[in-house]
């Protein structure tokens, strides 16, 4: 503990962002010290890792959806479609201030009822004007439903908080269990993929429970900041090794189990996030596309994942130039 406090004070005196990154950076500092001592080199100079970019502004991440205003009289004319109470609940005061997730459930239920009505026997009992109104409303809701799902996700506080720049990197020695977060992302992906399913029913309590899981811990941001930290520290170590390639010194074995687990967790989380975004059958706003490419991508060279992978590969290659120290 005292050693960690001294390191925090030292990093703070250097003016590094955040002063200290606790256990997450302690792992890398220990490794830096091991390398420097093995090579009889001066301590590695460390820099603050770049923070992740700010999440896309709300206005730039949502898709514009024209508001549909149907009078209750027109809705009542379609009462056989079982939508009057649904629309009335949506139009009351509580319905108007409902969170985006509840609006998503409402629009999905409305689409299901309208579609069943259009495809069922009821449509034959409607007058020509009401039938035309039903068909037009169903077509409009069908067209808008994917964008409603997109906005429900990207307008939610729970989703936005998962990209918080105030998050800390993960300590590779004490990684969280990602099962609940991955289950939440999987449920949301399933809900998007079954946008036009008449048989699959989204459950309000289940949906809200999964969103709360995402809200409790900004795991996506923590993963990104971990990759940023790892990339920075590996590059610093790489520069040290590159300067000592002519050295005859040996290096102790590199214990990578914890780093391997962090890498696996990062891939699983980023894969799930990208799968959720890709599941939406919409043309995403350009600002979201740019953010996803810069920060979430598993293929883009400038994204944290690929930068970390490249730095780790380079480190492995550089270490191969040095003999391994004998155990004991």
C-alpha atoms as a PDB file:
ATOM      1  CA  UNK A   1       0.000   0.000   0.000  1.00  0.00           C
ATOM      2  CA  UNK A   2       2.802   2.424   0.963  1.00  0.00           C
ATOM      3  CA  UNK A   3       4.531   1.658  -2.339  1.00  0.00           C
ATOM      4  CA  UNK A   4       1.354   2.524  -4.249  1.00  0.00           C
ATOM      5  CA  UNK A   5       0.959   5.778  -2.320  1.00  0.00           C
ATOM      6  CA  UNK A   6       4.532   6.778  -3.117  1.00  0.00           C
ATOM      7  CA  UNK A   7       3.929   6.039  -6.800  1.00  0.00           C
ATOM      8  CA  UNK A   8       0.742   8.107  -6.788  1.00  0.00           C
ATOM      9  CA  UNK A   9       2.639  11.020  -5.283  1.00  0.00           C
ATOM     10  CA  UNK A  10       5.448  10.616  -7.823  1.00  0.00           C
ATOM     11  CA  UNK A  11       3.056  10.542 -10.768  1.00  0.00           C
ATOM     12  CA  UNK A  12       1.205  13.552  -9.401  1.00  0.00           C
ATOM     13  CA  UNK A  13       4.441  15.547  -9.163  1.00  0.00           C
ATOM     14  CA  UNK A  14       5.043  14.792 -12.836  1.00  0.00           C
ATOM     15  CA  UNK A  15       1.656  16.306 -13.640  1.00  0.00           C
ATOM     16  CA  UNK A  16       0.268  13.126 -15.132  1.00  0.00           C
ATOM     17  CA  UNK A  17      -3.449  13.129 -15.833  1.00  0.00           C
ATOM     18  CA  UNK A  18      -5.316  11.826 -12.833  1.00  0.00           C
ATOM     19  CA  UNK A  19      -2.115  11.582 -10.748  1.00  0.00           C
ATOM     20  CA  UNK A  20      -2.414   7.820 -10.279  1.00  0.00           C
ATOM     21  CA  UNK A  21      -4.364   5.029 -11.928  1.00  0.00           C
ATOM     22  CA  UNK A  22      -4.237   2.737  -8.893  1.00  0.00           C
ATOM     23  CA  UNK A  23      -3.865  -0.990  -9.506  1.00  0.00           C
ATOM     24  CA  UNK A  24      -4.356  -0.807 -13.258  1.00  0.00           C
ATOM     25  CA  UNK A  25      -1.153   1.180 -13.749  1.00  0.00           C
ATOM     26  CA  UNK A  26       0.695  -0.493 -10.909  1.00  0.00           C
ATOM     27  CA  UNK A  27       0.904  -3.672 -12.985  1.00  0.00           C
ATOM     28  CA  UNK A  28       2.595  -1.798 -15.802  1.00  0.00           C
ATOM     29  CA  UNK A  29       4.899   0.141 -13.477  1.00  0.00           C
ATOM     30  CA  UNK A  30       6.062  -3.127 -11.926  1.00  0.00           C
ATOM     31  CA  UNK A  31       6.761  -4.522 -15.378  1.00  0.00           C
ATOM     32  CA  UNK A  32       8.647  -1.385 -16.429  1.00  0.00           C
ATOM     33  CA  UNK A  33      10.815  -1.627 -13.324  1.00  0.00           C
ATOM     34  CA  UNK A  34      11.529  -5.296 -14.010  1.00  0.00           C
ATOM     35  CA  UNK A  35      12.697  -4.520 -17.545  1.00  0.00           C
ATOM     36  CA  UNK A  36      14.799  -1.542 -16.532  1.00  0.00           C
ATOM     37  CA  UNK A  37      16.519  -3.481 -13.754  1.00  0.00           C
ATOM     38  CA  UNK A  38      17.189  -6.463 -16.024  1.00  0.00           C
ATOM     39  CA  UNK A  39      18.858  -4.199 -18.604  1.00  0.00           C
ATOM     40  CA  UNK A  40      20.670  -2.016 -16.049  1.00  0.00           C
ATOM     41  CA  UNK A  41      18.829   0.900 -17.619  1.00  0.00           C
ATOM     42  CA  UNK A  42      17.424   4.128 -16.244  1.00  0.00           C
ATOM     43  CA  UNK A  43      13.775   4.031 -15.158  1.00  0.00           C
ATOM     44  CA  UNK A  44      11.289   4.252 -18.006  1.00  0.00           C
ATOM     45  CA  UNK A  45       9.750   7.682 -18.418  1.00  0.00           C
ATOM     46  CA  UNK A  46       6.011   7.333 -18.438  1.00  0.00           C
ATOM     47  CA  UNK A  47       3.394   9.595 -19.951  1.00  0.00           C
ATOM     48  CA  UNK A  48      -0.295   9.884 -19.217  1.00  0.00           C
ATOM     49  CA  UNK A  49      -2.289   7.719 -21.619  1.00  0.00           C
ATOM     50  CA  UNK A  50      -4.649   9.542 -23.942  1.00  0.00           C
ATOM     51  CA  UNK A  51      -8.201   9.555 -22.650  1.00  0.00           C
ATOM     52  CA  UNK A  52     -10.987   8.192 -24.816  1.00  0.00           C
ATOM     53  CA  UNK A  53     -12.954  10.622 -26.929  1.00  0.00           C
ATOM     54  CA  UNK A  54     -16.165  12.227 -25.741  1.00  0.00           C
ATOM     55  CA  UNK A  55     -19.283  10.322 -26.687  1.00  0.00           C
ATOM     56  CA  UNK A  56     -21.295  11.718 -29.574  1.00  0.00           C
ATOM     57  CA  UNK A  57     -23.528  14.668 -28.679  1.00  0.00           C
ATOM     58  CA  UNK A  58     -27.173  13.739 -28.291  1.00  0.00           C
ATOM     59  CA  UNK A  59     -28.337  15.801 -31.269  1.00  0.00           C
ATOM     60  CA  UNK A  60     -25.768  14.121 -33.504  1.00  0.00           C
ATOM     61  CA  UNK A  61     -26.440  10.535 -32.474  1.00  0.00           C
ATOM     62  CA  UNK A  62     -30.232  10.424 -32.897  1.00  0.00           C
ATOM     63  CA  UNK A  63     -32.276   9.899 -36.045  1.00  0.00           C
ATOM     64  CA  UNK A  64     -35.031  12.391 -36.806  1.00  0.00           C
ATOM     65  CA  UNK A  65     -38.478  10.784 -36.719  1.00  0.00           C
ATOM     66  CA  UNK A  66     -41.532  12.827 -37.742  1.00  0.00           C
ATOM     67  CA  UNK A  67     -44.122  12.843 -34.988  1.00  0.00           C
ATOM     68  CA  UNK A  68     -47.439  11.205 -35.828  1.00  0.00           C
ATOM     69  CA  UNK A  69     -50.496  12.845 -34.316  1.00  0.00           C
ATOM     70  CA  UNK A  70     -53.676  10.850 -34.690  1.00  0.00           C
ATOM     71  CA  UNK A  71     -56.790  12.248 -33.080  1.00  0.00           C
ATOM     72  CA  UNK A  72     -58.457  10.002 -30.526  1.00  0.00           C
ATOM     73  CA  UNK A  73     -61.511  10.055 -32.754  1.00  0.00           C
ATOM     74  CA  UNK A  74     -59.512   8.471 -35.587  1.00  0.00           C
ATOM     75  CA  UNK A  75     -57.904   6.046 -33.169  1.00  0.00           C
ATOM     76  CA  UNK A  76     -61.305   5.123 -31.780  1.00  0.00           C
ATOM     77  CA  UNK A  77     -62.433   4.293 -35.303  1.00  0.00           C
ATOM     78  CA  UNK A  78     -59.732   1.605 -35.227  1.00  0.00           C
ATOM     79  CA  UNK A  79     -60.775   0.349 -31.774  1.00  0.00           C
ATOM     80  CA  UNK A  80     -61.189  -3.193 -33.075  1.00  0.00           C
ATOM     81  CA  UNK A  81     -57.410  -3.214 -33.552  1.00  0.00           C
ATOM     82  CA  UNK A  82     -57.011  -2.953 -29.766  1.00  0.00           C
ATOM     83  CA  UNK A  83     -54.924   0.226 -29.848  1.00  0.00           C
ATOM     84  CA  UNK A  84     -57.130   2.821 -28.121  1.00  0.00           C
ATOM     85  CA  UNK A  85     -55.974   2.171 -24.552  1.00  0.00           C
ATOM     86  CA  UNK A  86     -52.390   1.859 -25.717  1.00  0.00           C
ATOM     87  CA  UNK A  87     -52.429   5.237 -27.493  1.00  0.00           C
ATOM     88  CA  UNK A  88     -54.305   6.875 -24.619  1.00  0.00           C
ATOM     89  CA  UNK A  89     -51.654   5.701 -22.139  1.00  0.00           C
ATOM     90  CA  UNK A  90     -48.942   7.031 -24.399  1.00  0.00           C
ATOM     91  CA  UNK A  91     -50.649  10.407 -24.731  1.00  0.00           C
ATOM     92  CA  UNK A  92     -51.195  10.995 -21.025  1.00  0.00           C
ATOM     93  CA  UNK A  93     -48.735  12.954 -18.887  1.00  0.00           C
ATOM     94  CA  UNK A  94     -46.811   9.923 -17.637  1.00  0.00           C
ATOM     95  CA  UNK A  95     -46.574   8.479 -21.112  1.00  0.00           C
ATOM     96  CA  UNK A  96     -45.056  11.659 -22.512  1.00  0.00           C
ATOM     97  CA  UNK A  97     -42.190  11.659 -19.998  1.00  0.00           C
ATOM     98  CA  UNK A  98     -41.512   7.916 -20.158  1.00  0.00           C
ATOM     99  CA  UNK A  99     -37.852   6.927 -20.747  1.00  0.00           C
ATOM    100  CA  UNK A 100     -36.730   6.039 -24.291  1.00  0.00           C
ATOM    101  CA  UNK A 101     -36.853   2.322 -23.502  1.00  0.00           C
ATOM    102  CA  UNK A 102     -40.559   2.527 -22.672  1.00  0.00           C
ATOM    103  CA  UNK A 103     -41.240   4.499 -25.839  1.00  0.00           C
ATOM    104  CA  UNK A 104     -39.510   1.684 -27.752  1.00  0.00           C
ATOM    105  CA  UNK A 105     -41.783  -0.897 -26.119  1.00  0.00           C
ATOM    106  CA  UNK A 106     -44.845   1.229 -26.872  1.00  0.00           C
ATOM    107  CA  UNK A 107     -43.967   1.679 -30.552  1.00  0.00           C
ATOM    108  CA  UNK A 108     -43.173  -1.994 -30.948  1.00  0.00           C
ATOM    109  CA  UNK A 109     -46.450  -3.072 -29.350  1.00  0.00           C
ATOM    110  CA  UNK A 110     -48.378  -0.551 -31.444  1.00  0.00           C
ATOM    111  CA  UNK A 111     -46.743  -1.865 -34.628  1.00  0.00           C
ATOM    112  CA  UNK A 112     -47.577  -5.464 -33.681  1.00  0.00           C
ATOM    113  CA  UNK A 113     -51.237  -4.662 -33.070  1.00  0.00           C
ATOM    114  CA  UNK A 114     -51.581  -2.607 -36.230  1.00  0.00           C
ATOM    115  CA  UNK A 115     -49.897  -5.305 -38.319  1.00  0.00           C
ATOM    116  CA  UNK A 116     -52.059  -8.091 -36.890  1.00  0.00           C
ATOM    117  CA  UNK A 117     -55.124  -5.970 -37.570  1.00  0.00           C
ATOM    118  CA  UNK A 118     -54.048  -5.268 -41.148  1.00  0.00           C
ATOM    119  CA  UNK A 119     -53.348  -8.935 -41.807  1.00  0.00           C
ATOM    120  CA  UNK A 120     -56.432 -10.240 -39.969  1.00  0.00           C
ATOM    121  CA  UNK A 121     -60.172 -10.437 -40.533  1.00  0.00           C
ATOM    122  CA  UNK A 122     -60.923  -7.116 -38.852  1.00  0.00           C
ATOM    123  CA  UNK A 123     -59.713  -5.087 -41.802  1.00  0.00           C
ATOM    124  CA  UNK A 124     -62.654  -6.393 -43.859  1.00  0.00           C
ATOM    125  CA  UNK A 125     -65.158  -4.853 -41.440  1.00  0.00           C
ATOM    126  CA  UNK A 126     -63.686  -1.364 -41.729  1.00  0.00           C
ATOM    127  CA  UNK A 127     -65.021   1.301 -44.021  1.00  0.00           C
ATOM    128  CA  UNK A 128     -62.873   2.412 -46.928  1.00  0.00           C
ATOM    129  CA  UNK A 129     -61.665   5.553 -45.124  1.00  0.00           C
ATOM    130  CA  UNK A 130     -60.761   3.701 -41.917  1.00  0.00           C
ATOM    131  CA  UNK A 131     -59.113   0.917 -43.883  1.00  0.00           C
ATOM    132  CA  UNK A 132     -56.962   3.437 -45.735  1.00  0.00           C
ATOM    133  CA  UNK A 133     -56.106   5.118 -42.424  1.00  0.00           C
ATOM    134  CA  UNK A 134     -55.107   1.768 -40.912  1.00  0.00           C
ATOM    135  CA  UNK A 135     -52.932   0.830 -43.867  1.00  0.00           C
ATOM    136  CA  UNK A 136     -51.226   4.222 -43.942  1.00  0.00           C
ATOM    137  CA  UNK A 137     -50.577   4.224 -40.197  1.00  0.00           C
ATOM    138  CA  UNK A 138     -49.247   0.655 -40.303  1.00  0.00           C
ATOM    139  CA  UNK A 139     -46.927   1.449 -43.195  1.00  0.00           C
ATOM    140  CA  UNK A 140     -45.614   4.543 -41.419  1.00  0.00           C
ATOM    141  CA  UNK A 141     -44.995   2.724 -38.149  1.00  0.00           C
ATOM    142  CA  UNK A 142     -43.303  -0.099 -40.033  1.00  0.00           C
ATOM    143  CA  UNK A 143     -40.959   2.379 -41.684  1.00  0.00           C
ATOM    144  CA  UNK A 144     -40.175   4.214 -38.454  1.00  0.00           C
ATOM    145  CA  UNK A 145     -39.719   1.250 -36.115  1.00  0.00           C
ATOM    146  CA  UNK A 146     -35.978   0.629 -36.763  1.00  0.00           C
ATOM    147  CA  UNK A 147     -35.188   4.295 -36.100  1.00  0.00           C
ATOM    148  CA  UNK A 148     -37.281   4.158 -32.922  1.00  0.00           C
ATOM    149  CA  UNK A 149     -35.134   1.276 -31.697  1.00  0.00           C
ATOM    150  CA  UNK A 150     -31.945   3.163 -32.544  1.00  0.00           C
ATOM    151  CA  UNK A 151     -33.081   6.286 -30.708  1.00  0.00           C
ATOM    152  CA  UNK A 152     -34.248   4.271 -27.705  1.00  0.00           C
ATOM    153  CA  UNK A 153     -30.711   2.967 -27.283  1.00  0.00           C
ATOM    154  CA  UNK A 154     -28.728   6.079 -28.150  1.00  0.00           C
ATOM    155  CA  UNK A 155     -30.990   8.410 -26.203  1.00  0.00           C
ATOM    156  CA  UNK A 156     -30.816   6.340 -23.031  1.00  0.00           C
ATOM    157  CA  UNK A 157     -28.804   7.520 -20.067  1.00  0.00           C
ATOM    158  CA  UNK A 158     -27.675   3.959 -19.428  1.00  0.00           C
ATOM    159  CA  UNK A 159     -26.067   3.657 -22.877  1.00  0.00           C
ATOM    160  CA  UNK A 160     -24.440   7.083 -22.735  1.00  0.00           C
ATOM    161  CA  UNK A 161     -22.843   6.384 -19.348  1.00  0.00           C
ATOM    162  CA  UNK A 162     -21.105   3.328 -20.756  1.00  0.00           C
ATOM    163  CA  UNK A 163     -18.814   5.656 -22.689  1.00  0.00           C
ATOM    164  CA  UNK A 164     -17.929   7.980 -19.811  1.00  0.00           C
ATOM    165  CA  UNK A 165     -14.500   9.576 -20.090  1.00  0.00           C
ATOM    166  CA  UNK A 166     -14.362   9.707 -16.276  1.00  0.00           C
ATOM    167  CA  UNK A 167     -13.985   5.931 -16.101  1.00  0.00           C
ATOM    168  CA  UNK A 168     -10.827   4.193 -14.867  1.00  0.00           C
ATOM    169  CA  UNK A 169      -8.842   1.420 -16.548  1.00  0.00           C
ATOM    170  CA  UNK A 170      -9.362  -2.124 -15.315  1.00  0.00           C
ATOM    171  CA  UNK A 171      -6.822  -3.807 -13.083  1.00  0.00           C
ATOM    172  CA  UNK A 172      -5.745  -6.944 -15.000  1.00  0.00           C
ATOM    173  CA  UNK A 173      -5.282  -8.762 -11.677  1.00  0.00           C
ATOM    174  CA  UNK A 174      -8.864  -8.111 -10.564  1.00  0.00           C
ATOM    175  CA  UNK A 175     -11.102  -8.107 -13.616  1.00  0.00           C
ATOM    176  CA  UNK A 176     -14.884  -7.872 -13.222  1.00  0.00           C
ATOM    177  CA  UNK A 177     -17.165 -10.662 -14.339  1.00  0.00           C
ATOM    178  CA  UNK A 178     -18.614  -9.368 -17.635  1.00  0.00           C
ATOM    179  CA  UNK A 179     -21.435 -11.923 -17.764  1.00  0.00           C
ATOM    180  CA  UNK A 180     -24.235  -9.551 -16.719  1.00  0.00           C
ATOM    181  CA  UNK A 181     -23.123  -6.781 -19.086  1.00  0.00           C
ATOM    182  CA  UNK A 182     -22.720  -9.216 -21.979  1.00  0.00           C
ATOM    183  CA  UNK A 183     -26.168 -10.655 -21.258  1.00  0.00           C
ATOM    184  CA  UNK A 184     -27.597  -7.125 -21.331  1.00  0.00           C
ATOM    185  CA  UNK A 185     -25.951  -6.361 -24.668  1.00  0.00           C
ATOM    186  CA  UNK A 186     -27.140  -9.701 -26.044  1.00  0.00           C
ATOM    187  CA  UNK A 187     -30.739  -9.045 -24.972  1.00  0.00           C
ATOM    188  CA  UNK A 188     -30.706  -5.616 -26.612  1.00  0.00           C
ATOM    189  CA  UNK A 189     -29.249  -7.128 -29.781  1.00  0.00           C
ATOM    190  CA  UNK A 190     -31.962  -9.783 -29.812  1.00  0.00           C
ATOM    191  CA  UNK A 191     -34.626  -7.137 -29.353  1.00  0.00           C
ATOM    192  CA  UNK A 192     -33.257  -5.186 -32.317  1.00  0.00           C
ATOM    193  CA  UNK A 193     -32.926  -8.273 -34.509  1.00  0.00           C
ATOM    194  CA  UNK A 194     -36.558  -9.163 -33.778  1.00  0.00           C
ATOM    195  CA  UNK A 195     -37.877  -5.699 -34.484  1.00  0.00           C
ATOM    196  CA  UNK A 196     -40.408  -7.045 -36.973  1.00  0.00           C
ATOM    197  CA  UNK A 197     -41.301 -10.225 -35.105  1.00  0.00           C
ATOM    198  CA  UNK A 198     -44.979 -10.636 -34.278  1.00  0.00           C
ATOM    199  CA  UNK A 199     -44.357 -13.587 -31.983  1.00  0.00           C
ATOM    200  CA  UNK A 200     -41.407 -12.375 -29.890  1.00  0.00           C
ATOM    201  CA  UNK A 201     -42.456 -10.210 -26.956  1.00  0.00           C
ATOM    202  CA  UNK A 202     -40.087  -7.835 -25.189  1.00  0.00           C
ATOM    203  CA  UNK A 203     -40.509  -7.805 -21.419  1.00  0.00           C
ATOM    204  CA  UNK A 204     -40.440  -4.398 -19.755  1.00  0.00           C
ATOM    205  CA  UNK A 205     -38.932  -5.559 -16.466  1.00  0.00           C
ATOM    206  CA  UNK A 206     -36.248  -7.585 -18.251  1.00  0.00           C
ATOM    207  CA  UNK A 207     -35.357  -4.682 -20.537  1.00  0.00           C
ATOM    208  CA  UNK A 208     -35.094  -2.195 -17.679  1.00  0.00           C
ATOM    209  CA  UNK A 209     -33.070  -4.681 -15.643  1.00  0.00           C
ATOM    210  CA  UNK A 210     -30.519  -5.061 -18.416  1.00  0.00           C
ATOM    211  CA  UNK A 211     -30.274  -1.308 -18.878  1.00  0.00           C
ATOM    212  CA  UNK A 212     -29.640  -0.897 -15.153  1.00  0.00           C
ATOM    213  CA  UNK A 213     -26.767  -3.362 -15.447  1.00  0.00           C
ATOM    214  CA  UNK A 214     -25.203  -1.181 -18.128  1.00  0.00           C
ATOM    215  CA  UNK A 215     -25.771   1.912 -16.001  1.00  0.00           C
ATOM    216  CA  UNK A 216     -24.120   0.488 -12.880  1.00  0.00           C
ATOM    217  CA  UNK A 217     -20.712   0.043 -14.497  1.00  0.00           C
ATOM    218  CA  UNK A 218     -19.321   1.776 -17.620  1.00  0.00           C
ATOM    219  CA  UNK A 219     -17.588  -1.407 -18.763  1.00  0.00           C
ATOM    220  CA  UNK A 220     -17.128  -0.262 -22.362  1.00  0.00           C
ATOM    221  CA  UNK A 221     -15.280   2.870 -21.282  1.00  0.00           C
ATOM    222  CA  UNK A 222     -13.225   0.889 -18.766  1.00  0.00           C
ATOM    223  CA  UNK A 223     -12.161  -1.509 -21.508  1.00  0.00           C
ATOM    224  CA  UNK A 224     -11.214   1.331 -23.850  1.00  0.00           C
ATOM    225  CA  UNK A 225      -9.206   3.093 -21.162  1.00  0.00           C
ATOM    226  CA  UNK A 226      -7.461  -0.193 -20.316  1.00  0.00           C
ATOM    227  CA  UNK A 227      -6.443  -0.599 -23.944  1.00  0.00           C
ATOM    228  CA  UNK A 228      -5.228   2.994 -24.061  1.00  0.00           C
ATOM    229  CA  UNK A 229      -3.159   2.451 -20.926  1.00  0.00           C
ATOM    230  CA  UNK A 230      -1.763  -0.854 -22.174  1.00  0.00           C
ATOM    231  CA  UNK A 231      -0.856   0.616 -25.572  1.00  0.00           C
ATOM    232  CA  UNK A 232       0.938   3.530 -23.949  1.00  0.00           C
ATOM    233  CA  UNK A 233       2.889   1.411 -21.445  1.00  0.00           C
ATOM    234  CA  UNK A 234       3.839  -1.213 -24.033  1.00  0.00           C
ATOM    235  CA  UNK A 235       5.161   1.450 -26.395  1.00  0.00           C
ATOM    236  CA  UNK A 236       7.229   2.905 -23.580  1.00  0.00           C
ATOM    237  CA  UNK A 237       8.640  -0.550 -22.857  1.00  0.00           C
ATOM    238  CA  UNK A 238       9.245  -1.104 -26.570  1.00  0.00           C
ATOM    239  CA  UNK A 239      11.373   2.020 -26.798  1.00  0.00           C
ATOM    240  CA  UNK A 240      13.503   0.761 -23.910  1.00  0.00           C
ATOM    241  CA  UNK A 241      14.025  -2.648 -25.499  1.00  0.00           C
ATOM    242  CA  UNK A 242      14.800  -1.100 -28.887  1.00  0.00           C
ATOM    243  CA  UNK A 243      17.574   0.987 -27.315  1.00  0.00           C
ATOM    244  CA  UNK A 244      19.174  -2.112 -25.799  1.00  0.00           C
ATOM    245  CA  UNK A 245      19.024  -4.596 -28.652  1.00  0.00           C
ATOM    246  CA  UNK A 246      22.811  -4.925 -28.595  1.00  0.00           C
ATOM    247  CA  UNK A 247      22.791  -5.763 -24.910  1.00  0.00           C
ATOM    248  CA  UNK A 248      23.820  -9.198 -23.683  1.00  0.00           C
ATOM    249  CA  UNK A 249      21.474  -8.957 -20.712  1.00  0.00           C
ATOM    250  CA  UNK A 250      18.741 -11.532 -20.248  1.00  0.00           C
ATOM    251  CA  UNK A 251      15.084 -10.831 -19.505  1.00  0.00           C
ATOM    252  CA  UNK A 252      12.977 -12.648 -16.918  1.00  0.00           C
ATOM    253  CA  UNK A 253       9.922 -14.522 -18.195  1.00  0.00           C
ATOM    254  CA  UNK A 254       6.937 -12.319 -19.034  1.00  0.00           C
ATOM    255  CA  UNK A 255       3.899 -13.508 -17.108  1.00  0.00           C
ATOM    256  CA  UNK A 256       1.003 -12.636 -19.415  1.00  0.00           C
ATOM    257  CA  UNK A 257      -1.916 -14.566 -17.909  1.00  0.00           C
ATOM    258  CA  UNK A 258      -3.616 -11.469 -16.477  1.00  0.00           C
ATOM    259  CA  UNK A 259      -2.997  -9.515 -19.677  1.00  0.00           C
ATOM    260  CA  UNK A 260      -4.405 -12.375 -21.733  1.00  0.00           C
ATOM    261  CA  UNK A 261      -7.576 -12.299 -19.639  1.00  0.00           C
ATOM    262  CA  UNK A 262      -7.888  -8.526 -20.074  1.00  0.00           C
ATOM    263  CA  UNK A 263      -7.424  -8.947 -23.824  1.00  0.00           C
ATOM    264  CA  UNK A 264     -10.107 -11.641 -23.991  1.00  0.00           C
ATOM    265  CA  UNK A 265     -12.541  -9.568 -21.938  1.00  0.00           C
ATOM    266  CA  UNK A 266     -11.907  -6.521 -24.124  1.00  0.00           C
ATOM    267  CA  UNK A 267     -12.586  -8.443 -27.313  1.00  0.00           C
ATOM    268  CA  UNK A 268     -15.820  -9.917 -25.926  1.00  0.00           C
ATOM    269  CA  UNK A 269     -17.150  -6.551 -24.787  1.00  0.00           C
ATOM    270  CA  UNK A 270     -16.220  -4.653 -27.955  1.00  0.00           C
ATOM    271  CA  UNK A 271     -17.548  -7.459 -30.156  1.00  0.00           C
ATOM    272  CA  UNK A 272     -20.885  -7.349 -28.311  1.00  0.00           C
ATOM    273  CA  UNK A 273     -21.131  -3.562 -28.590  1.00  0.00           C
ATOM    274  CA  UNK A 274     -20.345  -3.599 -32.303  1.00  0.00           C
ATOM    275  CA  UNK A 275     -22.839  -6.417 -32.861  1.00  0.00           C
ATOM    276  CA  UNK A 276     -25.551  -4.402 -31.149  1.00  0.00           C
ATOM    277  CA  UNK A 277     -24.854  -1.327 -33.266  1.00  0.00           C
ATOM    278  CA  UNK A 278     -24.690  -3.391 -36.468  1.00  0.00           C
ATOM    279  CA  UNK A 279     -28.011  -5.104 -35.703  1.00  0.00           C
ATOM    280  CA  UNK A 280     -29.913  -1.852 -36.307  1.00  0.00           C
ATOM    281  CA  UNK A 281     -31.282  -1.704 -39.842  1.00  0.00           C
ATOM    282  CA  UNK A 282     -30.823   2.038 -40.174  1.00  0.00           C
ATOM    283  CA  UNK A 283     -28.359   4.419 -41.745  1.00  0.00           C
ATOM    284  CA  UNK A 284     -26.481   5.501 -38.617  1.00  0.00           C
ATOM    285  CA  UNK A 285     -25.637   9.167 -38.088  1.00  0.00           C
ATOM    286  CA  UNK A 286     -22.194  10.026 -39.446  1.00  0.00           C
ATOM    287  CA  UNK A 287     -20.970  11.150 -36.018  1.00  0.00           C
ATOM    288  CA  UNK A 288     -21.755   7.724 -34.560  1.00  0.00           C
ATOM    289  CA  UNK A 289     -20.017   6.003 -37.481  1.00  0.00           C
ATOM    290  CA  UNK A 290     -16.931   8.123 -36.869  1.00  0.00           C
ATOM    291  CA  UNK A 291     -16.944   7.413 -33.124  1.00  0.00           C
ATOM    292  CA  UNK A 292     -17.386   3.690 -33.672  1.00  0.00           C
ATOM    293  CA  UNK A 293     -14.536   3.573 -36.182  1.00  0.00           C
ATOM    294  CA  UNK A 294     -12.175   5.601 -33.983  1.00  0.00           C
ATOM    295  CA  UNK A 295     -12.874   3.959 -30.623  1.00  0.00           C
ATOM    296  CA  UNK A 296     -14.892   0.741 -30.883  1.00  0.00           C
ATOM    297  CA  UNK A 297     -13.582  -0.923 -34.027  1.00  0.00           C
ATOM    298  CA  UNK A 298     -11.711  -4.227 -33.899  1.00  0.00           C
ATOM    299  CA  UNK A 299     -10.231  -3.611 -37.364  1.00  0.00           C
ATOM    300  CA  UNK A 300      -9.277   0.065 -37.617  1.00  0.00           C
ATOM    301  CA  UNK A 301      -5.551   0.609 -37.069  1.00  0.00           C
ATOM    302  CA  UNK A 302      -6.135   3.847 -35.146  1.00  0.00           C
ATOM    303  CA  UNK A 303      -8.666   2.328 -32.721  1.00  0.00           C
ATOM    304  CA  UNK A 304      -7.536   1.313 -29.200  1.00  0.00           C
ATOM    305  CA  UNK A 305      -7.919  -2.426 -29.834  1.00  0.00           C
ATOM    306  CA  UNK A 306      -5.669  -2.560 -32.896  1.00  0.00           C
ATOM    307  CA  UNK A 307      -3.150  -0.131 -31.410  1.00  0.00           C
ATOM    308  CA  UNK A 308      -2.891  -2.297 -28.309  1.00  0.00           C
ATOM    309  CA  UNK A 309      -2.558  -5.477 -30.371  1.00  0.00           C
ATOM    310  CA  UNK A 310       0.151  -3.920 -32.548  1.00  0.00           C
ATOM    311  CA  UNK A 311       2.100  -2.678 -29.527  1.00  0.00           C
ATOM    312  CA  UNK A 312       1.886  -6.087 -27.874  1.00  0.00           C
ATOM    313  CA  UNK A 313       3.048  -7.876 -31.023  1.00  0.00           C
ATOM    314  CA  UNK A 314       5.982  -5.488 -31.358  1.00  0.00           C
ATOM    315  CA  UNK A 315       6.850  -6.085 -27.717  1.00  0.00           C
ATOM    316  CA  UNK A 316       6.863  -9.855 -28.235  1.00  0.00           C
ATOM    317  CA  UNK A 317       9.154  -9.469 -31.243  1.00  0.00           C
ATOM    318  CA  UNK A 318      11.543  -7.209 -29.341  1.00  0.00           C
ATOM    319  CA  UNK A 319      11.667  -9.540 -26.351  1.00  0.00           C
ATOM    320  CA  UNK A 320      12.653 -12.380 -28.663  1.00  0.00           C
ATOM    321  CA  UNK A 321      16.006 -10.643 -29.241  1.00  0.00           C
ATOM    322  CA  UNK A 322      16.933 -11.164 -25.594  1.00  0.00           C
ATOM    323  CA  UNK A 323      17.759 -14.475 -23.930  1.00  0.00           C
ATOM    324  CA  UNK A 324      15.538 -15.547 -21.078  1.00  0.00           C
ATOM    325  CA  UNK A 325      17.068 -15.452 -17.631  1.00  0.00           C
ATOM    326  CA  UNK A 326      17.437 -18.776 -15.906  1.00  0.00           C
ATOM    327  CA  UNK A 327      14.711 -19.477 -13.372  1.00  0.00           C
ATOM    328  CA  UNK A 328      15.571 -19.086  -9.719  1.00  0.00           C
END
